[in-house]
Amino acid sequence: MPPVEAASTRVEAMASRIRRPRKSAAAHYWIAAAWKAITAAALIAVVVVAWLQWQALSAIENLLGATQRPWVAATVEPVQLVFDDQGGGITLRMTIKNSGAVPAIDVLSAPVLLLDAKQPYRQACSHYGVGGGIGPALASSEVVAKTSTAWLSRGDFGQKFPGLLAVCIKYRFANSRRTGETGYLFSIARRTPGGPDNYVVEPKNGTLNPPELVLLPTASYHD
């Protein structure tokens, strides 16, 4: 082979050897990038699957929690509103029922007159029965009737008797340490046939009975 051709062949061989590592480095870069993308996608998939499983378990737990617990509610009827020189009070008849699948124990209930119309009734109920107490038990679908009176002195309400009444119910779960609450808010009104309801009841000595005395449902909550 002539010297010139031999030299040209050697140069091409050296150039080929120089180019191959560059091509190999580029291939390694893209392979590494692809593996990183695949790994990231796999991690995201694992996170998504774990989140979906957690959501499913939470939904099952909430469903079981909603079904395997007591649910205590009440119907409330006014009996009488009484005023004398000492003060005034309203008497209610409550029919309390546990519609849950689990018995409720230490069921406590009481009416609370709201002196401040702006006071949240749920906050008023939170102060009632703080620390719990001993009360009757209600089996599933069991009903109990109770009559209670909310009373205030003249010094507490002055010339204007409260127009809002909260009914607070608290109880315990028989199958756990959890507690439940139910609350109702009513407007106290005086009803006259053929006329509008009067939401201001004058605290004059005497009594007011149904159908003149009415309780108008305003709000409620169940926890």
N, C-alpha and C. Protein backbone atom coordinates (compact mmCIF):
# COMPACT_ATOMS: atom_id res chain seq x y z
N MET A 1 0.86 -1.18 0.00
CA MET A 1 0.00 0.00 0.00
C MET A 1 0.90 1.23 0.00
N PRO A 2 0.58 2.21 -0.82
CA PRO A 2 1.39 3.43 -0.87
C PRO A 2 1.35 4.14 0.48
N PRO A 3 2.42 4.84 0.81
CA PRO A 3 2.49 5.54 2.11
C PRO A 3 1.34 6.51 2.33
N VAL A 4 0.89 7.19 1.25
CA VAL A 4 -0.18 8.19 1.42
C VAL A 4 -1.48 7.51 1.79
N GLU A 5 -1.80 6.39 1.09
CA GLU A 5 -3.03 5.68 1.38
C GLU A 5 -3.01 5.07 2.78
N ALA A 6 -1.83 4.54 3.16
CA ALA A 6 -1.70 3.97 4.51
C ALA A 6 -1.92 5.02 5.57
N ALA A 7 -1.38 6.19 5.35
CA ALA A 7 -1.56 7.28 6.33
C ALA A 7 -3.02 7.69 6.40
N SER A 8 -3.69 7.76 5.22
CA SER A 8 -5.12 8.14 5.20
C SER A 8 -5.97 7.13 5.95
N THR A 9 -5.62 5.84 5.77
CA THR A 9 -6.38 4.78 6.46
C THR A 9 -6.20 4.90 7.97
N ARG A 10 -4.97 5.19 8.41
CA ARG A 10 -4.73 5.32 9.84
C ARG A 10 -5.49 6.52 10.42
N VAL A 11 -5.57 7.61 9.67
CA VAL A 11 -6.28 8.80 10.14
C VAL A 11 -7.77 8.51 10.28
N GLU A 12 -8.34 7.79 9.28
CA GLU A 12 -9.76 7.45 9.35
C GLU A 12 -10.04 6.51 10.52
N ALA A 13 -9.16 5.58 10.76
CA ALA A 13 -9.36 4.66 11.89
C ALA A 13 -9.31 5.40 13.21
N MET A 14 -8.33 6.35 13.32
CA MET A 14 -8.24 7.14 14.55
C MET A 14 -9.49 8.01 14.72
N ALA A 15 -9.97 8.59 13.64
CA ALA A 15 -11.17 9.42 13.72
C ALA A 15 -12.38 8.60 14.13
N SER A 16 -12.45 7.38 13.60
CA SER A 16 -13.58 6.50 13.96
C SER A 16 -13.54 6.17 15.44
N ARG A 17 -12.31 5.89 15.94
CA ARG A 17 -12.20 5.58 17.38
C ARG A 17 -12.54 6.79 18.23
N ILE A 18 -12.24 7.98 17.72
CA ILE A 18 -12.55 9.21 18.48
C ILE A 18 -14.04 9.46 18.49
N ARG A 19 -14.74 9.20 17.36
CA ARG A 19 -16.17 9.46 17.25
C ARG A 19 -17.00 8.47 18.06
N ARG A 20 -16.58 7.24 18.17
CA ARG A 20 -17.38 6.21 18.85
C ARG A 20 -17.66 6.55 20.32
N PRO A 21 -16.66 6.99 21.09
CA PRO A 21 -16.96 7.34 22.49
C PRO A 21 -18.00 8.45 22.59
N ARG A 22 -17.97 9.44 21.64
CA ARG A 22 -18.95 10.52 21.69
C ARG A 22 -20.36 9.98 21.46
N LYS A 23 -20.48 9.07 20.47
CA LYS A 23 -21.77 8.46 20.21
C LYS A 23 -22.23 7.63 21.39
N SER A 24 -21.33 6.93 22.02
CA SER A 24 -21.67 6.11 23.19
C SER A 24 -22.07 6.98 24.37
N ALA A 25 -21.41 8.12 24.58
CA ALA A 25 -21.75 9.02 25.69
C ALA A 25 -23.14 9.60 25.50
N ALA A 26 -23.49 9.96 24.28
CA ALA A 26 -24.84 10.48 24.02
C ALA A 26 -25.90 9.42 24.27
N ALA A 27 -25.60 8.20 23.86
CA ALA A 27 -26.55 7.11 24.09
C ALA A 27 -26.74 6.87 25.58
N HIS A 28 -25.65 6.87 26.34
CA HIS A 28 -25.74 6.68 27.79
C HIS A 28 -26.56 7.81 28.44
N TYR A 29 -26.40 9.03 27.97
CA TYR A 29 -27.14 10.17 28.52
C TYR A 29 -28.65 9.98 28.35
N TRP A 30 -29.04 9.61 27.11
CA TRP A 30 -30.47 9.43 26.85
C TRP A 30 -31.04 8.23 27.58
N ILE A 31 -30.23 7.17 27.71
CA ILE A 31 -30.69 5.99 28.46
C ILE A 31 -30.88 6.34 29.93
N ALA A 32 -29.94 7.10 30.50
CA ALA A 32 -30.04 7.51 31.90
C ALA A 32 -31.26 8.41 32.12
N ALA A 33 -31.48 9.32 31.17
CA ALA A 33 -32.64 10.21 31.28
C ALA A 33 -33.94 9.42 31.20
N ALA A 34 -33.96 8.41 30.31
CA ALA A 34 -35.16 7.59 30.18
C ALA A 34 -35.44 6.80 31.46
N TRP A 35 -34.37 6.25 32.04
CA TRP A 35 -34.54 5.50 33.30
C TRP A 35 -35.03 6.40 34.42
N LYS A 36 -34.52 7.62 34.46
CA LYS A 36 -34.99 8.57 35.48
C LYS A 36 -36.47 8.86 35.29
N ALA A 37 -36.87 9.05 34.04
CA ALA A 37 -38.29 9.33 33.77
C ALA A 37 -39.15 8.14 34.15
N ILE A 38 -38.68 6.93 33.82
CA ILE A 38 -39.43 5.72 34.18
C ILE A 38 -39.53 5.57 35.68
N THR A 39 -38.41 5.81 36.38
CA THR A 39 -38.41 5.71 37.85
C THR A 39 -39.35 6.73 38.49
N ALA A 40 -39.32 7.97 37.96
CA ALA A 40 -40.21 9.00 38.48
C ALA A 40 -41.66 8.63 38.25
N ALA A 41 -41.96 8.11 37.05
CA ALA A 41 -43.34 7.70 36.76
C ALA A 41 -43.78 6.56 37.67
N ALA A 42 -42.86 5.63 37.93
CA ALA A 42 -43.19 4.52 38.82
C ALA A 42 -43.46 5.01 40.23
N LEU A 43 -42.66 5.95 40.70
CA LEU A 43 -42.87 6.50 42.05
C LEU A 43 -44.20 7.24 42.13
N ILE A 44 -44.52 8.01 41.08
CA ILE A 44 -45.80 8.71 41.06
C ILE A 44 -46.96 7.72 41.08
N ALA A 45 -46.81 6.64 40.31
CA ALA A 45 -47.86 5.62 40.29
C ALA A 45 -48.05 4.99 41.66
N VAL A 46 -46.93 4.72 42.35
CA VAL A 46 -47.01 4.15 43.71
C VAL A 46 -47.73 5.11 44.65
N VAL A 47 -47.37 6.40 44.55
CA VAL A 47 -48.01 7.41 45.41
C VAL A 47 -49.51 7.51 45.11
N VAL A 48 -49.87 7.51 43.84
CA VAL A 48 -51.28 7.61 43.46
C VAL A 48 -52.06 6.40 43.96
N VAL A 49 -51.49 5.20 43.78
CA VAL A 49 -52.16 3.99 44.26
C VAL A 49 -52.33 4.01 45.78
N ALA A 50 -51.27 4.45 46.48
CA ALA A 50 -51.35 4.53 47.94
C ALA A 50 -52.42 5.53 48.38
N TRP A 51 -52.49 6.67 47.66
CA TRP A 51 -53.50 7.69 48.00
C TRP A 51 -54.90 7.15 47.75
N LEU A 52 -55.11 6.45 46.64
CA LEU A 52 -56.42 5.88 46.34
C LEU A 52 -56.81 4.83 47.38
N GLN A 53 -55.84 4.02 47.80
CA GLN A 53 -56.13 3.04 48.84
C GLN A 53 -56.49 3.72 50.15
N TRP A 54 -55.77 4.79 50.47
CA TRP A 54 -56.07 5.53 51.71
C TRP A 54 -57.46 6.14 51.64
N GLN A 55 -57.82 6.71 50.47
CA GLN A 55 -59.15 7.28 50.30
C GLN A 55 -60.22 6.21 50.45
N ALA A 56 -59.97 5.04 49.87
CA ALA A 56 -60.95 3.96 49.97
C ALA A 56 -61.11 3.49 51.41
N LEU A 57 -59.98 3.36 52.11
CA LEU A 57 -60.05 2.94 53.52
C LEU A 57 -60.75 4.00 54.37
N SER A 58 -60.49 5.27 54.08
CA SER A 58 -61.15 6.34 54.83
C SER A 58 -62.65 6.33 54.58
N ALA A 59 -63.04 6.08 53.32
CA ALA A 59 -64.47 6.03 53.00
C ALA A 59 -65.14 4.86 53.72
N ILE A 60 -64.46 3.71 53.74
CA ILE A 60 -65.01 2.54 54.45
C ILE A 60 -65.11 2.82 55.94
N GLU A 61 -64.06 3.45 56.50
CA GLU A 61 -64.07 3.77 57.93
C GLU A 61 -65.19 4.76 58.26
N ASN A 62 -65.37 5.77 57.40
CA ASN A 62 -66.45 6.74 57.65
C ASN A 62 -67.81 6.08 57.54
N LEU A 63 -67.96 5.16 56.58
CA LEU A 63 -69.23 4.47 56.44
C LEU A 63 -69.53 3.60 57.65
N LEU A 64 -68.51 2.88 58.11
CA LEU A 64 -68.70 2.06 59.30
C LEU A 64 -68.96 2.94 60.52
N GLY A 65 -68.24 4.09 60.58
CA GLY A 65 -68.45 4.99 61.70
C GLY A 65 -69.85 5.57 61.72
N ALA A 66 -70.41 5.81 60.53
CA ALA A 66 -71.75 6.38 60.45
C ALA A 66 -72.83 5.35 60.74
N THR A 67 -72.56 4.08 60.45
CA THR A 67 -73.58 3.04 60.66
C THR A 67 -73.45 2.36 62.01
N GLN A 68 -72.24 2.20 62.50
CA GLN A 68 -72.03 1.51 63.76
C GLN A 68 -71.87 2.51 64.90
N ARG A 69 -72.90 3.31 65.10
CA ARG A 69 -72.88 4.31 66.16
C ARG A 69 -74.32 4.67 66.51
N PRO A 70 -74.54 5.27 67.66
CA PRO A 70 -75.88 5.79 67.98
C PRO A 70 -76.13 7.12 67.29
N TRP A 71 -77.37 7.38 66.96
CA TRP A 71 -77.80 8.68 66.43
C TRP A 71 -79.01 9.11 67.25
N VAL A 72 -78.81 10.07 68.11
CA VAL A 72 -79.87 10.51 69.02
C VAL A 72 -80.45 11.83 68.53
N ALA A 73 -81.76 11.84 68.36
CA ALA A 73 -82.47 13.05 67.92
C ALA A 73 -83.71 13.21 68.78
N ALA A 74 -84.41 14.32 68.59
CA ALA A 74 -85.58 14.60 69.43
C ALA A 74 -86.60 15.41 68.66
N THR A 75 -87.85 15.20 69.01
CA THR A 75 -88.92 16.12 68.60
C THR A 75 -89.28 16.94 69.83
N VAL A 76 -89.52 18.23 69.63
CA VAL A 76 -89.73 19.16 70.74
C VAL A 76 -91.08 19.85 70.57
N GLU A 77 -91.86 19.87 71.64
CA GLU A 77 -93.16 20.53 71.64
C GLU A 77 -93.26 21.45 72.85
N PRO A 78 -93.81 22.65 72.67
CA PRO A 78 -93.99 23.54 73.82
C PRO A 78 -95.16 23.07 74.68
N VAL A 79 -95.02 23.22 75.98
CA VAL A 79 -96.09 22.86 76.92
C VAL A 79 -96.71 24.10 77.53
N GLN A 80 -95.83 25.01 78.01
CA GLN A 80 -96.35 26.20 78.68
C GLN A 80 -95.24 27.23 78.87
N LEU A 81 -95.62 28.49 78.77
CA LEU A 81 -94.74 29.61 79.10
C LEU A 81 -95.36 30.35 80.28
N VAL A 82 -94.60 30.49 81.36
CA VAL A 82 -95.13 31.04 82.61
C VAL A 82 -94.30 32.23 83.04
N PHE A 83 -94.99 33.30 83.50
CA PHE A 83 -94.33 34.46 84.09
C PHE A 83 -94.94 34.74 85.45
N ASP A 84 -94.07 35.12 86.40
CA ASP A 84 -94.53 35.61 87.70
C ASP A 84 -93.58 36.70 88.15
N ASP A 85 -93.72 37.14 89.40
CA ASP A 85 -92.88 38.24 89.88
C ASP A 85 -91.40 37.87 89.95
N GLN A 86 -91.12 36.58 90.03
CA GLN A 86 -89.73 36.13 90.18
C GLN A 86 -89.01 35.99 88.83
N GLY A 87 -89.78 35.65 87.81
CA GLY A 87 -89.13 35.43 86.52
C GLY A 87 -90.06 34.75 85.54
N GLY A 88 -89.47 34.04 84.57
CA GLY A 88 -90.26 33.36 83.56
C GLY A 88 -89.55 32.13 83.06
N GLY A 89 -90.34 31.19 82.58
CA GLY A 89 -89.74 29.96 82.07
C GLY A 89 -90.65 29.26 81.07
N ILE A 90 -90.04 28.48 80.23
CA ILE A 90 -90.78 27.73 79.23
C ILE A 90 -90.57 26.24 79.47
N THR A 91 -91.66 25.50 79.43
CA THR A 91 -91.62 24.05 79.64
C THR A 91 -91.82 23.35 78.30
N LEU A 92 -90.99 22.32 78.07
CA LEU A 92 -91.01 21.59 76.81
C LEU A 92 -91.25 20.11 77.06
N ARG A 93 -91.81 19.49 76.06
CA ARG A 93 -91.91 18.03 76.06
C ARG A 93 -91.02 17.51 74.92
N MET A 94 -90.01 16.74 75.29
CA MET A 94 -89.07 16.20 74.30
C MET A 94 -89.26 14.70 74.17
N THR A 95 -89.36 14.24 72.94
CA THR A 95 -89.40 12.81 72.65
C THR A 95 -88.07 12.45 72.01
N ILE A 96 -87.22 11.76 72.77
CA ILE A 96 -85.85 11.49 72.35
C ILE A 96 -85.75 10.06 71.84
N LYS A 97 -85.13 9.91 70.67
CA LYS A 97 -85.03 8.58 70.06
C LYS A 97 -83.61 8.32 69.57
N ASN A 98 -83.15 7.09 69.75
CA ASN A 98 -81.88 6.64 69.20
C ASN A 98 -82.17 5.83 67.94
N SER A 99 -81.86 6.39 66.78
CA SER A 99 -82.10 5.71 65.51
C SER A 99 -80.86 5.00 64.99
N GLY A 100 -79.78 4.97 65.78
CA GLY A 100 -78.56 4.29 65.36
C GLY A 100 -78.59 2.81 65.66
N ALA A 101 -77.55 2.11 65.19
CA ALA A 101 -77.46 0.66 65.38
C ALA A 101 -76.81 0.28 66.70
N VAL A 102 -76.26 1.26 67.41
CA VAL A 102 -75.54 1.02 68.66
C VAL A 102 -76.23 1.77 69.79
N PRO A 103 -76.32 1.18 70.98
CA PRO A 103 -76.95 1.90 72.10
C PRO A 103 -76.20 3.17 72.46
N ALA A 104 -76.95 4.15 72.95
CA ALA A 104 -76.37 5.39 73.48
C ALA A 104 -76.52 5.36 75.00
N ILE A 105 -75.49 5.79 75.70
CA ILE A 105 -75.53 5.80 77.17
C ILE A 105 -75.31 7.23 77.66
N ASP A 106 -75.72 7.46 78.90
CA ASP A 106 -75.59 8.78 79.53
C ASP A 106 -76.16 9.88 78.62
N VAL A 107 -77.41 9.67 78.22
CA VAL A 107 -78.07 10.65 77.35
C VAL A 107 -78.55 11.82 78.20
N LEU A 108 -78.00 12.99 77.97
CA LEU A 108 -78.34 14.20 78.73
C LEU A 108 -78.98 15.20 77.77
N SER A 109 -80.05 15.84 78.21
CA SER A 109 -80.74 16.82 77.37
C SER A 109 -81.25 17.97 78.23
N ALA A 110 -81.25 19.16 77.66
CA ALA A 110 -81.72 20.32 78.41
C ALA A 110 -82.02 21.48 77.47
N PRO A 111 -83.03 22.29 77.78
CA PRO A 111 -83.29 23.52 77.02
C PRO A 111 -82.48 24.67 77.60
N VAL A 112 -82.03 25.56 76.73
CA VAL A 112 -81.23 26.72 77.15
C VAL A 112 -81.79 27.96 76.47
N LEU A 113 -82.20 28.95 77.26
CA LEU A 113 -82.68 30.22 76.73
C LEU A 113 -81.47 31.11 76.40
N LEU A 114 -81.48 31.70 75.22
CA LEU A 114 -80.36 32.54 74.78
C LEU A 114 -80.67 34.01 75.07
N LEU A 115 -79.96 34.55 76.04
CA LEU A 115 -80.15 35.96 76.39
C LEU A 115 -79.67 36.88 75.28
N ASP A 116 -78.60 36.47 74.61
CA ASP A 116 -78.05 37.26 73.52
C ASP A 116 -78.43 36.59 72.20
N ALA A 117 -79.21 37.28 71.40
CA ALA A 117 -79.66 36.71 70.13
C ALA A 117 -78.50 36.44 69.18
N LYS A 118 -77.38 37.14 69.39
CA LYS A 118 -76.21 36.95 68.53
C LYS A 118 -75.33 35.79 68.99
N GLN A 119 -75.61 35.24 70.16
CA GLN A 119 -74.79 34.13 70.66
C GLN A 119 -75.07 32.87 69.83
N PRO A 120 -74.04 32.25 69.27
CA PRO A 120 -74.26 31.01 68.52
C PRO A 120 -74.84 29.94 69.44
N TYR A 121 -75.94 29.33 69.00
CA TYR A 121 -76.58 28.34 69.88
C TYR A 121 -75.69 27.12 70.07
N ARG A 122 -74.86 26.83 69.08
CA ARG A 122 -73.95 25.69 69.24
C ARG A 122 -72.93 25.96 70.35
N GLN A 123 -72.51 27.20 70.46
CA GLN A 123 -71.61 27.57 71.55
C GLN A 123 -72.31 27.45 72.89
N ALA A 124 -73.59 27.83 72.93
CA ALA A 124 -74.35 27.69 74.18
C ALA A 124 -74.47 26.23 74.57
N CYS A 125 -74.67 25.35 73.57
CA CYS A 125 -74.77 23.92 73.87
C CYS A 125 -73.43 23.35 74.31
N SER A 126 -72.32 23.92 73.81
CA SER A 126 -71.00 23.39 74.18
C SER A 126 -70.72 23.60 75.66
N HIS A 127 -71.34 24.63 76.27
CA HIS A 127 -71.13 24.89 77.70
C HIS A 127 -72.00 24.00 78.57
N TYR A 128 -73.03 23.42 77.96
CA TYR A 128 -73.92 22.55 78.72
C TYR A 128 -73.33 21.15 78.80
N GLY A 129 -73.36 20.56 79.99
CA GLY A 129 -72.89 19.20 80.16
C GLY A 129 -71.41 19.02 79.97
N VAL A 130 -70.61 20.09 80.18
CA VAL A 130 -69.16 19.97 80.05
C VAL A 130 -68.65 18.97 81.08
N GLY A 131 -67.83 18.02 80.62
CA GLY A 131 -67.32 16.98 81.51
C GLY A 131 -68.21 15.76 81.56
N GLY A 132 -69.35 15.82 80.88
CA GLY A 132 -70.24 14.66 80.84
C GLY A 132 -71.08 14.54 82.11
N GLY A 133 -71.73 13.43 82.25
CA GLY A 133 -72.58 13.19 83.40
C GLY A 133 -73.25 11.84 83.27
N ILE A 134 -74.03 11.50 84.25
CA ILE A 134 -74.73 10.21 84.26
C ILE A 134 -76.15 10.43 83.79
N GLY A 135 -76.54 9.67 82.80
CA GLY A 135 -77.89 9.78 82.26
C GLY A 135 -78.41 8.42 81.85
N PRO A 136 -79.63 8.37 81.33
CA PRO A 136 -80.22 7.09 80.92
C PRO A 136 -79.56 6.56 79.65
N ALA A 137 -79.78 5.28 79.39
CA ALA A 137 -79.30 4.64 78.17
C ALA A 137 -80.47 4.44 77.21
N LEU A 138 -80.15 4.50 75.93
CA LEU A 138 -81.16 4.30 74.89
C LEU A 138 -80.65 3.22 73.94
N ALA A 139 -81.36 2.09 73.89
CA ALA A 139 -81.02 1.05 72.93
C ALA A 139 -81.42 1.50 71.53
N SER A 140 -81.00 0.74 70.53
CA SER A 140 -81.35 1.06 69.15
C SER A 140 -82.86 1.08 68.97
N SER A 141 -83.37 2.18 68.37
CA SER A 141 -84.80 2.41 68.12
C SER A 141 -85.60 2.65 69.39
N GLU A 142 -84.94 2.82 70.53
CA GLU A 142 -85.67 3.08 71.78
C GLU A 142 -86.02 4.56 71.87
N VAL A 143 -87.18 4.83 72.46
CA VAL A 143 -87.68 6.20 72.59
C VAL A 143 -87.96 6.47 74.06
N VAL A 144 -87.64 7.69 74.49
CA VAL A 144 -87.94 8.11 75.85
C VAL A 144 -88.51 9.52 75.82
N ALA A 145 -89.50 9.78 76.64
CA ALA A 145 -90.11 11.11 76.73
C ALA A 145 -89.57 11.84 77.95
N LYS A 146 -89.38 13.13 77.82
CA LYS A 146 -88.84 13.92 78.92
C LYS A 146 -89.46 15.31 78.88
N THR A 147 -89.78 15.83 80.06
CA THR A 147 -90.30 17.19 80.19
C THR A 147 -89.28 18.03 80.94
N SER A 148 -88.90 19.17 80.37
CA SER A 148 -87.88 20.03 80.98
C SER A 148 -88.34 21.49 80.91
N THR A 149 -87.81 22.28 81.84
CA THR A 149 -88.15 23.70 81.90
C THR A 149 -86.87 24.54 81.91
N ALA A 150 -86.83 25.54 81.07
CA ALA A 150 -85.75 26.53 81.08
C ALA A 150 -86.28 27.78 81.77
N TRP A 151 -85.64 28.20 82.86
CA TRP A 151 -86.14 29.28 83.69
C TRP A 151 -85.09 30.37 83.83
N LEU A 152 -85.56 31.63 83.82
CA LEU A 152 -84.69 32.77 84.06
C LEU A 152 -85.36 33.72 85.04
N SER A 153 -84.55 34.37 85.88
CA SER A 153 -85.09 35.34 86.83
C SER A 153 -85.34 36.67 86.12
N ARG A 154 -86.17 37.51 86.75
CA ARG A 154 -86.47 38.82 86.18
C ARG A 154 -85.19 39.65 86.02
N GLY A 155 -84.29 39.46 86.95
CA GLY A 155 -83.03 40.20 86.86
C GLY A 155 -82.19 39.81 85.66
N ASP A 156 -82.40 38.58 85.14
CA ASP A 156 -81.62 38.13 83.98
C ASP A 156 -82.16 38.68 82.66
N PHE A 157 -83.48 38.74 82.52
CA PHE A 157 -84.00 39.16 81.22
C PHE A 157 -84.68 40.53 81.25
N GLY A 158 -84.97 41.10 82.40
CA GLY A 158 -85.53 42.44 82.47
C GLY A 158 -86.91 42.53 81.85
N GLN A 159 -87.08 43.48 80.94
CA GLN A 159 -88.39 43.72 80.32
C GLN A 159 -88.60 42.93 79.03
N LYS A 160 -87.58 42.19 78.60
CA LYS A 160 -87.68 41.45 77.34
C LYS A 160 -87.26 40.00 77.55
N PHE A 161 -88.21 39.10 77.35
CA PHE A 161 -87.92 37.68 77.51
C PHE A 161 -87.20 37.16 76.25
N PRO A 162 -86.22 36.26 76.41
CA PRO A 162 -85.49 35.76 75.24
C PRO A 162 -86.42 35.17 74.18
N GLY A 163 -86.09 35.42 72.94
CA GLY A 163 -86.91 34.91 71.85
C GLY A 163 -86.34 33.67 71.19
N LEU A 164 -85.16 33.22 71.65
CA LEU A 164 -84.52 32.05 71.07
C LEU A 164 -84.28 30.99 72.14
N LEU A 165 -84.51 29.75 71.76
CA LEU A 165 -84.36 28.63 72.69
C LEU A 165 -83.52 27.55 72.01
N ALA A 166 -82.48 27.09 72.69
CA ALA A 166 -81.66 25.97 72.21
C ALA A 166 -82.00 24.72 73.01
N VAL A 167 -82.05 23.59 72.33
CA VAL A 167 -82.22 22.29 72.98
C VAL A 167 -80.95 21.49 72.72
N CYS A 168 -80.27 21.12 73.79
CA CYS A 168 -78.96 20.47 73.68
C CYS A 168 -79.04 19.02 74.16
N ILE A 169 -78.50 18.11 73.37
CA ILE A 169 -78.48 16.69 73.72
C ILE A 169 -77.04 16.19 73.57
N LYS A 170 -76.56 15.52 74.61
CA LYS A 170 -75.22 14.92 74.57
C LYS A 170 -75.32 13.47 75.06
N TYR A 171 -74.47 12.63 74.49
CA TYR A 171 -74.52 11.21 74.84
C TYR A 171 -73.19 10.55 74.52
N ARG A 172 -73.06 9.31 75.01
CA ARG A 172 -71.85 8.53 74.77
C ARG A 172 -72.17 7.31 73.93
N PHE A 173 -71.15 6.81 73.21
CA PHE A 173 -71.30 5.58 72.44
C PHE A 173 -71.10 4.39 73.37
N ALA A 174 -71.98 3.42 73.26
CA ALA A 174 -71.85 2.23 74.12
C ALA A 174 -70.68 1.36 73.69
N ASN A 175 -70.25 1.46 72.43
CA ASN A 175 -69.19 0.58 71.94
C ASN A 175 -67.83 1.25 71.85
N SER A 176 -67.70 2.48 72.35
CA SER A 176 -66.41 3.17 72.33
C SER A 176 -66.44 4.32 73.32
N ARG A 177 -65.36 5.08 73.34
CA ARG A 177 -65.27 6.24 74.24
C ARG A 177 -65.75 7.51 73.56
N ARG A 178 -66.22 7.40 72.35
CA ARG A 178 -66.66 8.59 71.62
C ARG A 178 -67.95 9.16 72.20
N THR A 179 -68.18 10.41 71.90
CA THR A 179 -69.40 11.09 72.34
C THR A 179 -70.11 11.70 71.14
N GLY A 180 -71.40 11.93 71.28
CA GLY A 180 -72.18 12.55 70.23
C GLY A 180 -72.96 13.74 70.76
N GLU A 181 -73.34 14.62 69.86
CA GLU A 181 -74.11 15.80 70.23
C GLU A 181 -75.21 16.06 69.20
N THR A 182 -76.30 16.56 69.67
CA THR A 182 -77.38 17.02 68.80
C THR A 182 -77.90 18.33 69.37
N GLY A 183 -78.13 19.29 68.51
CA GLY A 183 -78.61 20.58 68.98
C GLY A 183 -79.69 21.12 68.07
N TYR A 184 -80.64 21.84 68.68
CA TYR A 184 -81.74 22.46 67.92
C TYR A 184 -81.87 23.91 68.37
N LEU A 185 -82.26 24.77 67.44
CA LEU A 185 -82.53 26.17 67.75
C LEU A 185 -83.97 26.48 67.32
N PHE A 186 -84.72 27.09 68.25
CA PHE A 186 -86.12 27.44 68.00
C PHE A 186 -86.33 28.92 68.28
N SER A 187 -87.26 29.49 67.54
CA SER A 187 -87.75 30.84 67.85
C SER A 187 -89.04 30.69 68.64
N ILE A 188 -89.14 31.41 69.76
CA ILE A 188 -90.35 31.40 70.58
C ILE A 188 -91.30 32.45 70.03
N ALA A 189 -92.52 32.05 69.73
CA ALA A 189 -93.46 33.00 69.13
C ALA A 189 -94.85 32.82 69.73
N ARG A 190 -95.62 33.90 69.60
CA ARG A 190 -97.02 33.86 70.00
C ARG A 190 -97.87 33.96 68.74
N ARG A 191 -98.74 32.98 68.55
CA ARG A 191 -99.52 32.90 67.32
C ARG A 191 -100.96 33.32 67.59
N THR A 192 -101.44 34.22 66.74
CA THR A 192 -102.83 34.66 66.82
C THR A 192 -103.55 34.24 65.54
N PRO A 193 -104.73 33.66 65.66
CA PRO A 193 -105.45 33.21 64.47
C PRO A 193 -105.67 34.35 63.48
N GLY A 194 -105.31 34.09 62.23
CA GLY A 194 -105.52 35.08 61.19
C GLY A 194 -104.52 36.20 61.16
N GLY A 195 -103.54 36.18 62.06
CA GLY A 195 -102.54 37.25 62.10
C GLY A 195 -101.13 36.70 62.02
N PRO A 196 -100.14 37.57 61.87
CA PRO A 196 -98.74 37.12 61.80
C PRO A 196 -98.24 36.68 63.18
N ASP A 197 -97.23 35.84 63.16
CA ASP A 197 -96.63 35.40 64.42
C ASP A 197 -95.89 36.56 65.08
N ASN A 198 -96.04 36.67 66.41
CA ASN A 198 -95.37 37.69 67.19
C ASN A 198 -94.17 37.07 67.88
N TYR A 199 -92.95 37.55 67.52
CA TYR A 199 -91.73 36.96 68.06
C TYR A 199 -91.28 37.61 69.36
N VAL A 200 -92.01 38.61 69.82
CA VAL A 200 -91.72 39.25 71.10
C VAL A 200 -92.84 38.90 72.07
N VAL A 201 -92.50 38.08 73.06
CA VAL A 201 -93.49 37.67 74.06
C VAL A 201 -93.32 38.56 75.28
N GLU A 202 -94.34 39.32 75.59
CA GLU A 202 -94.26 40.23 76.74
C GLU A 202 -94.28 39.42 78.05
N PRO A 203 -93.34 39.73 78.94
CA PRO A 203 -93.25 38.97 80.20
C PRO A 203 -94.27 39.41 81.24
N LYS A 204 -95.54 39.31 80.92
CA LYS A 204 -96.60 39.64 81.87
C LYS A 204 -96.95 38.41 82.69
N ASN A 205 -97.27 38.63 83.97
CA ASN A 205 -97.62 37.51 84.83
C ASN A 205 -98.79 36.72 84.23
N GLY A 206 -98.63 35.42 84.24
CA GLY A 206 -99.67 34.56 83.67
C GLY A 206 -99.03 33.44 82.88
N THR A 207 -99.85 32.77 82.09
CA THR A 207 -99.38 31.63 81.31
C THR A 207 -99.76 31.79 79.84
N LEU A 208 -98.98 31.14 79.01
CA LEU A 208 -99.25 31.09 77.58
C LEU A 208 -99.11 29.63 77.16
N ASN A 209 -100.13 29.09 76.53
CA ASN A 209 -100.15 27.68 76.18
C ASN A 209 -100.38 27.51 74.68
N PRO A 210 -100.05 26.33 74.14
CA PRO A 210 -100.40 26.04 72.74
C PRO A 210 -101.91 26.06 72.58
N PRO A 211 -102.47 26.42 71.45
CA PRO A 211 -101.76 26.71 70.19
C PRO A 211 -101.23 28.13 70.06
N GLU A 212 -101.49 28.98 71.08
CA GLU A 212 -100.92 30.33 71.01
C GLU A 212 -99.40 30.30 71.10
N LEU A 213 -98.88 29.43 71.95
CA LEU A 213 -97.44 29.31 72.13
C LEU A 213 -96.89 28.33 71.09
N VAL A 214 -95.94 28.78 70.28
CA VAL A 214 -95.35 27.92 69.26
C VAL A 214 -93.83 28.04 69.28
N LEU A 215 -93.19 26.96 68.88
CA LEU A 215 -91.74 26.94 68.68
C LEU A 215 -91.48 26.72 67.20
N LEU A 216 -90.78 27.66 66.58
CA LEU A 216 -90.50 27.58 65.15
C LEU A 216 -89.06 27.11 64.93
N PRO A 217 -88.86 25.94 64.29
CA PRO A 217 -87.50 25.44 64.06
C PRO A 217 -86.68 26.42 63.23
N THR A 218 -85.46 26.67 63.70
CA THR A 218 -84.58 27.63 63.02
C THR A 218 -83.31 26.99 62.50
N ALA A 219 -82.72 26.08 63.29
CA ALA A 219 -81.46 25.42 62.87
C ALA A 219 -81.27 24.16 63.70
N SER A 220 -80.34 23.32 63.24
CA SER A 220 -80.02 22.09 63.99
C SER A 220 -78.66 21.57 63.55
N TYR A 221 -78.07 20.71 64.36
CA TYR A 221 -76.81 20.04 64.00
C TYR A 221 -76.78 18.66 64.67
N HIS A 222 -76.01 17.74 64.08
CA HIS A 222 -75.85 16.39 64.61
C HIS A 222 -74.38 16.01 64.45
N ASP A 223 -73.73 15.69 65.54
CA ASP A 223 -72.31 15.27 65.52
C ASP A 223 -72.17 13.89 66.15
